[in-house]
Amino acid sequence: MVSNGSTLNVQGTRSSSISVQSGGVENVSSGGWITGQLDAGTFVAAGGTLSLLAGGSAGFINVSGSLNIAGINTANVRVQSGAVENISSGGLTRGTSGGGTAATSIS
């Protein structure tokens, strides 16, 4: 768990479940890759932040907080109502049919 005031920097591969709580930050650096299983990957709570830096990639993410993409989001991302997904120049979000980014509410 990445709690308030904590930062997790991923430079290699992380395939286990993790929770980024309000005030917590997870950064995936160039060459870093985070993944998991459907409904058991990374959860970003409201007030938490996950940043995919250029060259970083991720899949199996459930976001209620902020997701910043400058790298590659490979598939299976849920952006919950009230969450924010920012895709910077050079950032990419993609996936197979039914397995890409799904927003639960768009306003």
PDB file of N, CA and C in Angstrom:
ATOM      1  N   MET A   1       0.834  -1.166   0.000  1.00  0.00           N
ATOM      2  CA  MET A   1       0.000   0.000   0.000  1.00  0.00           C
ATOM      3  C   MET A   1       0.889   1.243   0.000  1.00  0.00           C
ATOM      4  N   VAL A   2       0.511   2.209  -0.835  1.00  0.00           N
ATOM      5  CA  VAL A   2       1.212   3.488  -0.871  1.00  0.00           C
ATOM      6  C   VAL A   2       0.312   4.481  -0.159  1.00  0.00           C
ATOM      7  N   SER A   3       0.705   4.861   1.042  1.00  0.00           N
ATOM      8  CA  SER A   3      -0.162   5.688   1.881  1.00  0.00           C
ATOM      9  C   SER A   3       0.137   7.178   1.726  1.00  0.00           C
ATOM     10  N   ASN A   4      -0.641   7.986   2.419  1.00  0.00           N
ATOM     11  CA  ASN A   4      -0.528   9.441   2.373  1.00  0.00           C
ATOM     12  C   ASN A   4       0.905   9.898   2.629  1.00  0.00           C
ATOM     13  N   GLY A   5       1.434  10.689   1.704  1.00  0.00           N
ATOM     14  CA  GLY A   5       2.786  11.213   1.854  1.00  0.00           C
ATOM     15  C   GLY A   5       3.877  10.288   1.347  1.00  0.00           C
ATOM     16  N   SER A   6       3.501   9.077   0.895  1.00  0.00           N
ATOM     17  CA  SER A   6       4.492   8.109   0.414  1.00  0.00           C
ATOM     18  C   SER A   6       4.542   8.095  -1.110  1.00  0.00           C
ATOM     19  N   THR A   7       5.703   7.703  -1.645  1.00  0.00           N
ATOM     20  CA  THR A   7       5.888   7.573  -3.087  1.00  0.00           C
ATOM     21  C   THR A   7       6.526   6.231  -3.390  1.00  0.00           C
ATOM     22  N   LEU A   8       5.980   5.526  -4.372  1.00  0.00           N
ATOM     23  CA  LEU A   8       6.542   4.268  -4.851  1.00  0.00           C
ATOM     24  C   LEU A   8       7.039   4.512  -6.262  1.00  0.00           C
ATOM     25  N   ASN A   9       8.344   4.312  -6.493  1.00  0.00           N
ATOM     26  CA  ASN A   9       8.940   4.465  -7.815  1.00  0.00           C
ATOM     27  C   ASN A   9       9.255   3.090  -8.376  1.00  0.00           C
ATOM     28  N   VAL A  10       8.638   2.761  -9.504  1.00  0.00           N
ATOM     29  CA  VAL A  10       8.805   1.450 -10.131  1.00  0.00           C
ATOM     30  C   VAL A  10       9.717   1.597 -11.343  1.00  0.00           C
ATOM     31  N   GLN A  11      10.827   0.868 -11.332  1.00  0.00           N
ATOM     32  CA  GLN A  11      11.761   0.910 -12.452  1.00  0.00           C
ATOM     33  C   GLN A  11      11.869  -0.436 -13.147  1.00  0.00           C
ATOM     34  N   GLY A  12      11.388  -1.473 -12.531  1.00  0.00           N
ATOM     35  CA  GLY A  12      11.395  -2.812 -13.120  1.00  0.00           C
ATOM     36  C   GLY A  12       9.965  -3.274 -13.340  1.00  0.00           C
ATOM     37  N   THR A  13       9.713  -4.543 -13.063  1.00  0.00           N
ATOM     38  CA  THR A  13       8.383  -5.120 -13.239  1.00  0.00           C
ATOM     39  C   THR A  13       7.744  -5.355 -11.887  1.00  0.00           C
ATOM     40  N   ARG A  14       6.488  -4.946 -11.762  1.00  0.00           N
ATOM     41  CA  ARG A  14       5.692  -5.232 -10.567  1.00  0.00           C
ATOM     42  C   ARG A  14       4.412  -5.885 -11.035  1.00  0.00           C
ATOM     43  N   SER A  15       4.161  -7.116 -10.612  1.00  0.00           N
ATOM     44  CA  SER A  15       2.989  -7.850 -11.068  1.00  0.00           C
ATOM     45  C   SER A  15       2.008  -8.157  -9.945  1.00  0.00           C
ATOM     46  N   SER A  16       2.212  -7.595  -8.788  1.00  0.00           N
ATOM     47  CA  SER A  16       1.314  -7.834  -7.668  1.00  0.00           C
ATOM     48  C   SER A  16       0.315  -6.686  -7.525  1.00  0.00           C
ATOM     49  N   SER A  17      -0.728  -6.929  -6.767  1.00  0.00           N
ATOM     50  CA  SER A  17      -1.732  -5.904  -6.498  1.00  0.00           C
ATOM     51  C   SER A  17      -1.160  -4.849  -5.564  1.00  0.00           C
ATOM     52  N   ILE A  18      -1.575  -3.601  -5.792  1.00  0.00           N
ATOM     53  CA  ILE A  18      -1.153  -2.526  -4.905  1.00  0.00           C
ATOM     54  C   ILE A  18      -2.253  -1.483  -4.849  1.00  0.00           C
ATOM     55  N   SER A  19      -2.336  -0.813  -3.735  1.00  0.00           N
ATOM     56  CA  SER A  19      -3.318   0.240  -3.535  1.00  0.00           C
ATOM     57  C   SER A  19      -2.597   1.554  -3.275  1.00  0.00           C
ATOM     58  N   VAL A  20      -2.923   2.570  -4.091  1.00  0.00           N
ATOM     59  CA  VAL A  20      -2.369   3.903  -3.897  1.00  0.00           C
ATOM     60  C   VAL A  20      -3.452   4.724  -3.214  1.00  0.00           C
ATOM     61  N   GLN A  21      -3.240   5.030  -1.942  1.00  0.00           N
ATOM     62  CA  GLN A  21      -4.239   5.723  -1.145  1.00  0.00           C
ATOM     63  C   GLN A  21      -4.190   7.235  -1.368  1.00  0.00           C
ATOM     64  N   SER A  22      -5.188   7.932  -0.830  1.00  0.00           N
ATOM     65  CA  SER A  22      -5.239   9.386  -0.928  1.00  0.00           C
ATOM     66  C   SER A  22      -3.942   9.998  -0.417  1.00  0.00           C
ATOM     67  N   GLY A  23      -3.329  10.856  -1.221  1.00  0.00           N
ATOM     68  CA  GLY A  23      -2.056  11.468  -0.849  1.00  0.00           C
ATOM     69  C   GLY A  23      -0.846  10.651  -1.241  1.00  0.00           C
ATOM     70  N   GLY A  24      -1.045   9.424  -1.731  1.00  0.00           N
ATOM     71  CA  GLY A  24       0.051   8.563  -2.171  1.00  0.00           C
ATOM     72  C   GLY A  24       0.306   8.734  -3.656  1.00  0.00           C
ATOM     73  N   VAL A  25       1.548   8.426  -4.076  1.00  0.00           N
ATOM     74  CA  VAL A  25       1.947   8.569  -5.477  1.00  0.00           C
ATOM     75  C   VAL A  25       2.721   7.327  -5.911  1.00  0.00           C
ATOM     76  N   GLU A  26       2.374   6.797  -7.081  1.00  0.00           N
ATOM     77  CA  GLU A  26       3.162   5.724  -7.694  1.00  0.00           C
ATOM     78  C   GLU A  26       3.636   6.228  -9.048  1.00  0.00           C
ATOM     79  N   ASN A  27       4.950   6.178  -9.276  1.00  0.00           N
ATOM     80  CA  ASN A  27       5.553   6.587 -10.540  1.00  0.00           C
ATOM     81  C   ASN A  27       6.142   5.361 -11.224  1.00  0.00           C
ATOM     82  N   VAL A  28       5.796   5.182 -12.495  1.00  0.00           N
ATOM     83  CA  VAL A  28       6.368   4.088 -13.278  1.00  0.00           C
ATOM     84  C   VAL A  28       7.332   4.715 -14.274  1.00  0.00           C
ATOM     85  N   SER A  29       8.625   4.491 -14.050  1.00  0.00           N
ATOM     86  CA  SER A  29       9.685   5.106 -14.856  1.00  0.00           C
ATOM     87  C   SER A  29       9.900   4.376 -16.167  1.00  0.00           C
ATOM     88  N   SER A  30      10.743   4.954 -17.024  1.00  0.00           N
ATOM     89  CA  SER A  30      11.106   4.347 -18.288  1.00  0.00           C
ATOM     90  C   SER A  30      11.630   2.936 -18.045  1.00  0.00           C
ATOM     91  N   GLY A  31      11.083   1.976 -18.756  1.00  0.00           N
ATOM     92  CA  GLY A  31      11.466   0.578 -18.575  1.00  0.00           C
ATOM     93  C   GLY A  31      10.668  -0.123 -17.499  1.00  0.00           C
ATOM     94  N   GLY A  32       9.921   0.631 -16.695  1.00  0.00           N
ATOM     95  CA  GLY A  32       9.080   0.041 -15.652  1.00  0.00           C
ATOM     96  C   GLY A  32       7.779  -0.476 -16.234  1.00  0.00           C
ATOM     97  N   TRP A  33       7.233  -1.511 -15.603  1.00  0.00           N
ATOM     98  CA  TRP A  33       5.991  -2.116 -16.074  1.00  0.00           C
ATOM     99  C   TRP A  33       5.217  -2.625 -14.876  1.00  0.00           C
ATOM    100  N   ILE A  34       3.971  -2.197 -14.747  1.00  0.00           N
ATOM    101  CA  ILE A  34       3.118  -2.724 -13.684  1.00  0.00           C
ATOM    102  C   ILE A  34       1.945  -3.447 -14.331  1.00  0.00           C
ATOM    103  N   THR A  35       1.587  -4.563 -13.757  1.00  0.00           N
ATOM    104  CA  THR A  35       0.507  -5.372 -14.287  1.00  0.00           C
ATOM    105  C   THR A  35      -0.127  -6.149 -13.154  1.00  0.00           C
ATOM    106  N   GLY A  36      -1.122  -6.905 -13.452  1.00  0.00           N
ATOM    107  CA  GLY A  36      -1.811  -7.700 -12.444  1.00  0.00           C
ATOM    108  C   GLY A  36      -2.821  -8.590 -13.120  1.00  0.00           C
ATOM    109  N   GLN A  37      -3.959  -8.766 -12.473  1.00  0.00           N
ATOM    110  CA  GLN A  37      -5.048  -9.552 -13.025  1.00  0.00           C
ATOM    111  C   GLN A  37      -6.300  -8.690 -13.004  1.00  0.00           C
ATOM    112  N   LEU A  38      -7.293  -9.070 -13.788  1.00  0.00           N
ATOM    113  CA  LEU A  38      -8.543  -8.343 -13.834  1.00  0.00           C
ATOM    114  C   LEU A  38      -9.096  -8.181 -12.424  1.00  0.00           C
ATOM    115  N   ASP A  39      -9.396  -6.971 -12.037  1.00  0.00           N
ATOM    116  CA  ASP A  39      -9.911  -6.622 -10.703  1.00  0.00           C
ATOM    117  C   ASP A  39      -8.923  -6.913  -9.578  1.00  0.00           C
ATOM    118  N   ALA A  40      -7.657  -7.121  -9.908  1.00  0.00           N
ATOM    119  CA  ALA A  40      -6.670  -7.389  -8.866  1.00  0.00           C
ATOM    120  C   ALA A  40      -5.323  -6.764  -9.211  1.00  0.00           C
ATOM    121  N   GLY A  41      -5.326  -5.671  -9.938  1.00  0.00           N
ATOM    122  CA  GLY A  41      -4.080  -5.000 -10.276  1.00  0.00           C
ATOM    123  C   GLY A  41      -3.852  -3.824  -9.360  1.00  0.00           C
ATOM    124  N   THR A  42      -3.641  -2.649  -9.929  1.00  0.00           N
ATOM    125  CA  THR A  42      -3.393  -1.433  -9.159  1.00  0.00           C
ATOM    126  C   THR A  42      -4.695  -0.684  -8.950  1.00  0.00           C
ATOM    127  N   PHE A  43      -4.961  -0.309  -7.709  1.00  0.00           N
ATOM    128  CA  PHE A  43      -6.117   0.531  -7.395  1.00  0.00           C
ATOM    129  C   PHE A  43      -5.607   1.890  -6.941  1.00  0.00           C
ATOM    130  N   VAL A  44      -6.111   2.951  -7.570  1.00  0.00           N
ATOM    131  CA  VAL A  44      -5.743   4.313  -7.210  1.00  0.00           C
ATOM    132  C   VAL A  44      -6.968   4.961  -6.581  1.00  0.00           C
ATOM    133  N   ALA A  45      -6.929   5.186  -5.267  1.00  0.00           N
ATOM    134  CA  ALA A  45      -8.056   5.771  -4.540  1.00  0.00           C
ATOM    135  C   ALA A  45      -8.199   7.259  -4.856  1.00  0.00           C
ATOM    136  N   ALA A  46      -9.371   7.810  -4.573  1.00  0.00           N
ATOM    137  CA  ALA A  46      -9.586   9.244  -4.727  1.00  0.00           C
ATOM    138  C   ALA A  46      -8.509   9.986  -3.951  1.00  0.00           C
ATOM    139  N   GLY A  47      -7.850  10.926  -4.610  1.00  0.00           N
ATOM    140  CA  GLY A  47      -6.764  11.672  -3.981  1.00  0.00           C
ATOM    141  C   GLY A  47      -5.400  11.057  -4.190  1.00  0.00           C
ATOM    142  N   GLY A  48      -5.352   9.832  -4.740  1.00  0.00           N
ATOM    143  CA  GLY A  48      -4.091   9.166  -5.058  1.00  0.00           C
ATOM    144  C   GLY A  48      -3.702   9.441  -6.500  1.00  0.00           C
ATOM    145  N   THR A  49      -2.423   9.232  -6.831  1.00  0.00           N
ATOM    146  CA  THR A  49      -1.927   9.522  -8.177  1.00  0.00           C
ATOM    147  C   THR A  49      -1.041   8.394  -8.689  1.00  0.00           C
ATOM    148  N   LEU A  50      -1.298   7.992  -9.934  1.00  0.00           N
ATOM    149  CA  LEU A  50      -0.431   7.055 -10.639  1.00  0.00           C
ATOM    150  C   LEU A  50       0.073   7.761 -11.887  1.00  0.00           C
ATOM    151  N   SER A  51       1.391   7.842 -12.050  1.00  0.00           N
ATOM    152  CA  SER A  51       1.992   8.493 -13.204  1.00  0.00           C
ATOM    153  C   SER A  51       2.814   7.490 -13.997  1.00  0.00           C
ATOM    154  N   LEU A  52       2.446   7.321 -15.272  1.00  0.00           N
ATOM    155  CA  LEU A  52       3.238   6.514 -16.191  1.00  0.00           C
ATOM    156  C   LEU A  52       4.142   7.470 -16.932  1.00  0.00           C
ATOM    157  N   LEU A  53       5.418   7.467 -16.580  1.00  0.00           N
ATOM    158  CA  LEU A  53       6.371   8.365 -17.205  1.00  0.00           C
ATOM    159  C   LEU A  53       6.746   7.833 -18.585  1.00  0.00           C
ATOM    160  N   ALA A  54       7.338   8.669 -19.426  1.00  0.00           N
ATOM    161  CA  ALA A  54       7.734   8.256 -20.773  1.00  0.00           C
ATOM    162  C   ALA A  54       8.556   6.980 -20.700  1.00  0.00           C
ATOM    163  N   GLY A  55       8.149   5.976 -21.454  1.00  0.00           N
ATOM    164  CA  GLY A  55       8.851   4.698 -21.454  1.00  0.00           C
ATOM    165  C   GLY A  55       8.316   3.707 -20.443  1.00  0.00           C
ATOM    166  N   GLY A  56       7.427   4.137 -19.551  1.00  0.00           N
ATOM    167  CA  GLY A  56       6.795   3.242 -18.584  1.00  0.00           C
ATOM    168  C   GLY A  56       5.504   2.691 -19.157  1.00  0.00           C
ATOM    169  N   SER A  57       5.051   1.539 -18.659  1.00  0.00           N
ATOM    170  CA  SER A  57       3.801   0.971 -19.141  1.00  0.00           C
ATOM    171  C   SER A  57       3.054   0.272 -18.018  1.00  0.00           C
ATOM    172  N   ALA A  58       1.745   0.102 -18.238  1.00  0.00           N
ATOM    173  CA  ALA A  58       0.901  -0.465 -17.186  1.00  0.00           C
ATOM    174  C   ALA A  58      -0.348  -1.095 -17.774  1.00  0.00           C
ATOM    175  N   GLY A  59      -0.929  -1.987 -17.021  1.00  0.00           N
ATOM    176  CA  GLY A  59      -2.211  -2.592 -17.334  1.00  0.00           C
ATOM    177  C   GLY A  59      -2.905  -2.997 -16.053  1.00  0.00           C
ATOM    178  N   PHE A  60      -4.196  -3.268 -16.129  1.00  0.00           N
ATOM    179  CA  PHE A  60      -5.006  -3.697 -14.988  1.00  0.00           C
ATOM    180  C   PHE A  60      -5.003  -2.647 -13.871  1.00  0.00           C
ATOM    181  N   ILE A  61      -5.596  -1.492 -14.175  1.00  0.00           N
ATOM    182  CA  ILE A  61      -5.637  -0.368 -13.245  1.00  0.00           C
ATOM    183  C   ILE A  61      -7.085   0.045 -13.019  1.00  0.00           C
ATOM    184  N   ASN A  62      -7.436   0.315 -11.783  1.00  0.00           N
ATOM    185  CA  ASN A  62      -8.748   0.827 -11.411  1.00  0.00           C
ATOM    186  C   ASN A  62      -8.506   2.180 -10.759  1.00  0.00           C
ATOM    187  N   VAL A  63      -9.006   3.255 -11.377  1.00  0.00           N
ATOM    188  CA  VAL A  63      -8.662   4.608 -10.955  1.00  0.00           C
ATOM    189  C   VAL A  63      -9.870   5.360 -10.416  1.00  0.00           C
ATOM    190  N   SER A  64      -9.759   5.814  -9.185  1.00  0.00           N
ATOM    191  CA  SER A  64     -10.725   6.756  -8.612  1.00  0.00           C
ATOM    192  C   SER A  64     -10.054   8.099  -8.373  1.00  0.00           C
ATOM    193  N   GLY A  65      -8.734   8.147  -8.483  1.00  0.00           N
ATOM    194  CA  GLY A  65      -7.950   9.372  -8.286  1.00  0.00           C
ATOM    195  C   GLY A  65      -7.472   9.911  -9.612  1.00  0.00           C
ATOM    196  N   SER A  66      -6.158  10.071  -9.780  1.00  0.00           N
ATOM    197  CA  SER A  66      -5.580  10.630 -11.002  1.00  0.00           C
ATOM    198  C   SER A  66      -4.635   9.643 -11.670  1.00  0.00           C
ATOM    199  N   LEU A  67      -4.768   9.532 -12.987  1.00  0.00           N
ATOM    200  CA  LEU A  67      -3.877   8.712 -13.802  1.00  0.00           C
ATOM    201  C   LEU A  67      -3.252   9.618 -14.844  1.00  0.00           C
ATOM    202  N   ASN A  68      -1.933   9.777 -14.779  1.00  0.00           N
ATOM    203  CA  ASN A  68      -1.200  10.624 -15.716  1.00  0.00           C
ATOM    204  C   ASN A  68      -0.394   9.728 -16.644  1.00  0.00           C
ATOM    205  N   ILE A  69      -0.645   9.852 -17.959  1.00  0.00           N
ATOM    206  CA  ILE A  69      -0.015   8.950 -18.914  1.00  0.00           C
ATOM    207  C   ILE A  69       0.899   9.714 -19.863  1.00  0.00           C
ATOM    208  N   ALA A  70       2.197   9.469 -19.743  1.00  0.00           N
ATOM    209  CA  ALA A  70       3.172   9.939 -20.721  1.00  0.00           C
ATOM    210  C   ALA A  70       3.816   8.719 -21.374  1.00  0.00           C
ATOM    211  N   GLY A  71       3.552   7.553 -20.802  1.00  0.00           N
ATOM    212  CA  GLY A  71       4.059   6.283 -21.332  1.00  0.00           C
ATOM    213  C   GLY A  71       2.941   5.546 -22.044  1.00  0.00           C
ATOM    214  N   ILE A  72       2.852   4.230 -21.828  1.00  0.00           N
ATOM    215  CA  ILE A  72       1.861   3.406 -22.517  1.00  0.00           C
ATOM    216  C   ILE A  72       0.980   2.685 -21.507  1.00  0.00           C
ATOM    217  N   ASN A  73      -0.331   2.891 -21.636  1.00  0.00           N
ATOM    218  CA  ASN A  73      -1.318   2.154 -20.870  1.00  0.00           C
ATOM    219  C   ASN A  73      -1.756   1.015 -21.784  1.00  0.00           C
ATOM    220  N   THR A  74      -1.441  -0.225 -21.447  1.00  0.00           N
ATOM    221  CA  THR A  74      -1.630  -1.329 -22.374  1.00  0.00           C
ATOM    222  C   THR A  74      -3.061  -1.839 -22.451  1.00  0.00           C
ATOM    223  N   ALA A  75      -3.776  -1.923 -21.358  1.00  0.00           N
ATOM    224  CA  ALA A  75      -5.144  -2.445 -21.399  1.00  0.00           C
ATOM    225  C   ALA A  75      -5.739  -2.540 -20.002  1.00  0.00           C
ATOM    226  N   ASN A  76      -7.039  -2.745 -19.990  1.00  0.00           N
ATOM    227  CA  ASN A  76      -7.784  -3.020 -18.770  1.00  0.00           C
ATOM    228  C   ASN A  76      -7.635  -1.932 -17.717  1.00  0.00           C
ATOM    229  N   VAL A  77      -8.115  -0.755 -18.053  1.00  0.00           N
ATOM    230  CA  VAL A  77      -8.122   0.368 -17.119  1.00  0.00           C
ATOM    231  C   VAL A  77      -9.551   0.818 -16.910  1.00  0.00           C
ATOM    232  N   ARG A  78      -9.945   0.959 -15.662  1.00  0.00           N
ATOM    233  CA  ARG A  78     -11.264   1.495 -15.328  1.00  0.00           C
ATOM    234  C   ARG A  78     -11.074   2.864 -14.709  1.00  0.00           C
ATOM    235  N   VAL A  79     -11.692   3.865 -15.319  1.00  0.00           N
ATOM    236  CA  VAL A  79     -11.656   5.225 -14.798  1.00  0.00           C
ATOM    237  C   VAL A  79     -13.022   5.486 -14.182  1.00  0.00           C
ATOM    238  N   GLN A  80     -13.070   5.529 -12.845  1.00  0.00           N
ATOM    239  CA  GLN A  80     -14.332   5.667 -12.126  1.00  0.00           C
ATOM    240  C   GLN A  80     -14.854   7.105 -12.190  1.00  0.00           C
ATOM    241  N   SER A  81     -16.114   7.260 -11.890  1.00  0.00           N
ATOM    242  CA  SER A  81     -16.735   8.581 -11.845  1.00  0.00           C
ATOM    243  C   SER A  81     -15.962   9.486 -10.900  1.00  0.00           C
ATOM    244  N   GLY A  82     -15.613  10.692 -11.370  1.00  0.00           N
ATOM    245  CA  GLY A  82     -14.862  11.642 -10.554  1.00  0.00           C
ATOM    246  C   GLY A  82     -13.357  11.523 -10.695  1.00  0.00           C
ATOM    247  N   ALA A  83     -12.882  10.462 -11.344  1.00  0.00           N
ATOM    248  CA  ALA A  83     -11.441  10.274 -11.550  1.00  0.00           C
ATOM    249  C   ALA A  83     -10.993  11.079 -12.764  1.00  0.00           C
ATOM    250  N   VAL A  84      -9.675  11.272 -12.873  1.00  0.00           N
ATOM    251  CA  VAL A  84      -9.104  12.042 -13.973  1.00  0.00           C
ATOM    252  C   VAL A  84      -8.024  11.216 -14.658  1.00  0.00           C
ATOM    253  N   GLU A  85      -8.088  11.142 -15.989  1.00  0.00           N
ATOM    254  CA  GLU A  85      -7.042  10.503 -16.783  1.00  0.00           C
ATOM    255  C   GLU A  85      -6.464  11.573 -17.704  1.00  0.00           C
ATOM    256  N   ASN A  86      -5.188  11.895 -17.513  1.00  0.00           N
ATOM    257  CA  ASN A  86      -4.493  12.885 -18.333  1.00  0.00           C
ATOM    258  C   ASN A  86      -3.521  12.165 -19.246  1.00  0.00           C
ATOM    259  N   ILE A  87      -3.668  12.378 -20.559  1.00  0.00           N
ATOM    260  CA  ILE A  87      -2.760  11.756 -21.522  1.00  0.00           C
ATOM    261  C   ILE A  87      -1.925  12.857 -22.147  1.00  0.00           C
ATOM    262  N   SER A  88      -0.633  12.841 -21.867  1.00  0.00           N
ATOM    263  CA  SER A  88       0.289  13.854 -22.371  1.00  0.00           C
ATOM    264  C   SER A  88       0.727  13.529 -23.789  1.00  0.00           C
ATOM    265  N   SER A  89       1.345  14.504 -24.443  1.00  0.00           N
ATOM    266  CA  SER A  89       1.919  14.294 -25.762  1.00  0.00           C
ATOM    267  C   SER A  89       2.896  13.130 -25.693  1.00  0.00           C
ATOM    268  N   GLY A  90       2.738  12.166 -26.562  1.00  0.00           N
ATOM    269  CA  GLY A  90       3.589  10.979 -26.556  1.00  0.00           C
ATOM    270  C   GLY A  90       3.009   9.846 -25.739  1.00  0.00           C
ATOM    271  N   GLY A  91       1.996  10.131 -24.908  1.00  0.00           N
ATOM    272  CA  GLY A  91       1.347   9.090 -24.124  1.00  0.00           C
ATOM    273  C   GLY A  91       0.371   8.305 -24.983  1.00  0.00           C
ATOM    274  N   LEU A  92       0.109   7.053 -24.616  1.00  0.00           N
ATOM    275  CA  LEU A  92      -0.742   6.195 -25.420  1.00  0.00           C
ATOM    276  C   LEU A  92      -1.592   5.325 -24.516  1.00  0.00           C
ATOM    277  N   THR A  93      -2.872   5.234 -24.825  1.00  0.00           N
ATOM    278  CA  THR A  93      -3.738   4.289 -24.141  1.00  0.00           C
ATOM    279  C   THR A  93      -4.361   3.398 -25.202  1.00  0.00           C
ATOM    280  N   ARG A  94      -4.289   2.102 -24.990  1.00  0.00           N
ATOM    281  CA  ARG A  94      -4.769   1.166 -26.000  1.00  0.00           C
ATOM    282  C   ARG A  94      -5.202  -0.125 -25.341  1.00  0.00           C
ATOM    283  N   GLY A  95      -5.784  -0.993 -26.138  1.00  0.00           N
ATOM    284  CA  GLY A  95      -6.209  -2.287 -25.634  1.00  0.00           C
ATOM    285  C   GLY A  95      -7.004  -3.021 -26.682  1.00  0.00           C
ATOM    286  N   THR A  96      -7.335  -4.257 -26.400  1.00  0.00           N
ATOM    287  CA  THR A  96      -8.143  -5.052 -27.306  1.00  0.00           C
ATOM    288  C   THR A  96      -9.605  -4.686 -27.114  1.00  0.00           C
ATOM    289  N   SER A  97     -10.440  -5.106 -28.012  1.00  0.00           N
ATOM    290  CA  SER A  97     -11.872  -4.838 -27.905  1.00  0.00           C
ATOM    291  C   SER A  97     -12.409  -5.367 -26.577  1.00  0.00           C
ATOM    292  N   GLY A  98     -13.023  -4.490 -25.811  1.00  0.00           N
ATOM    293  CA  GLY A  98     -13.545  -4.868 -24.500  1.00  0.00           C
ATOM    294  C   GLY A  98     -12.506  -4.883 -23.418  1.00  0.00           C
ATOM    295  N   GLY A  99     -11.236  -4.594 -23.740  1.00  0.00           N
ATOM    296  CA  GLY A  99     -10.187  -4.677 -22.745  1.00  0.00           C
ATOM    297  C   GLY A  99      -9.374  -3.415 -22.636  1.00  0.00           C
ATOM    298  N   GLY A 100      -9.852  -2.325 -23.230  1.00  0.00           N
ATOM    299  CA  GLY A 100      -9.117  -1.062 -23.174  1.00  0.00           C
ATOM    300  C   GLY A 100      -9.541  -0.247 -21.974  1.00  0.00           C
ATOM    301  N   THR A 101      -9.591   1.067 -22.134  1.00  0.00           N
ATOM    302  CA  THR A 101      -9.985   1.956 -21.051  1.00  0.00           C
ATOM    303  C   THR A 101     -11.500   2.088 -21.028  1.00  0.00           C
ATOM    304  N   ALA A 102     -12.088   1.913 -19.862  1.00  0.00           N
ATOM    305  CA  ALA A 102     -13.533   2.050 -19.701  1.00  0.00           C
ATOM    306  C   ALA A 102     -13.808   3.133 -18.666  1.00  0.00           C
ATOM    307  N   ALA A 103     -14.615   4.098 -19.044  1.00  0.00           N
ATOM    308  CA  ALA A 103     -15.007   5.152 -18.114  1.00  0.00           C
ATOM    309  C   ALA A 103     -16.389   4.819 -17.573  1.00  0.00           C
ATOM    310  N   THR A 104     -16.576   4.913 -16.264  1.00  0.00           N
ATOM    311  CA  THR A 104     -17.884   4.610 -15.699  1.00  0.00           C
ATOM    312  C   THR A 104     -18.829   5.797 -15.797  1.00  0.00           C
ATOM    313  N   SER A 105     -18.289   6.982 -15.970  1.00  0.00           N
ATOM    314  CA  SER A 105     -19.118   8.181 -16.114  1.00  0.00           C
ATOM    315  C   SER A 105     -18.318   9.242 -16.848  1.00  0.00           C
ATOM    316  N   ILE A 106     -18.922   9.787 -17.886  1.00  0.00           N
ATOM    317  CA  ILE A 106     -18.266  10.854 -18.643  1.00  0.00           C
ATOM    318  C   ILE A 106     -19.150  12.082 -18.591  1.00  0.00           C
ATOM    319  N   SER A 107     -18.567  13.192 -18.154  1.00  0.00           N
ATOM    320  CA  SER A 107     -19.381  14.413 -18.093  1.00  0.00           C
ATOM    321  C   SER A 107     -18.753  15.497 -18.933  1.00  0.00           C
TER     322      SER A 107
END
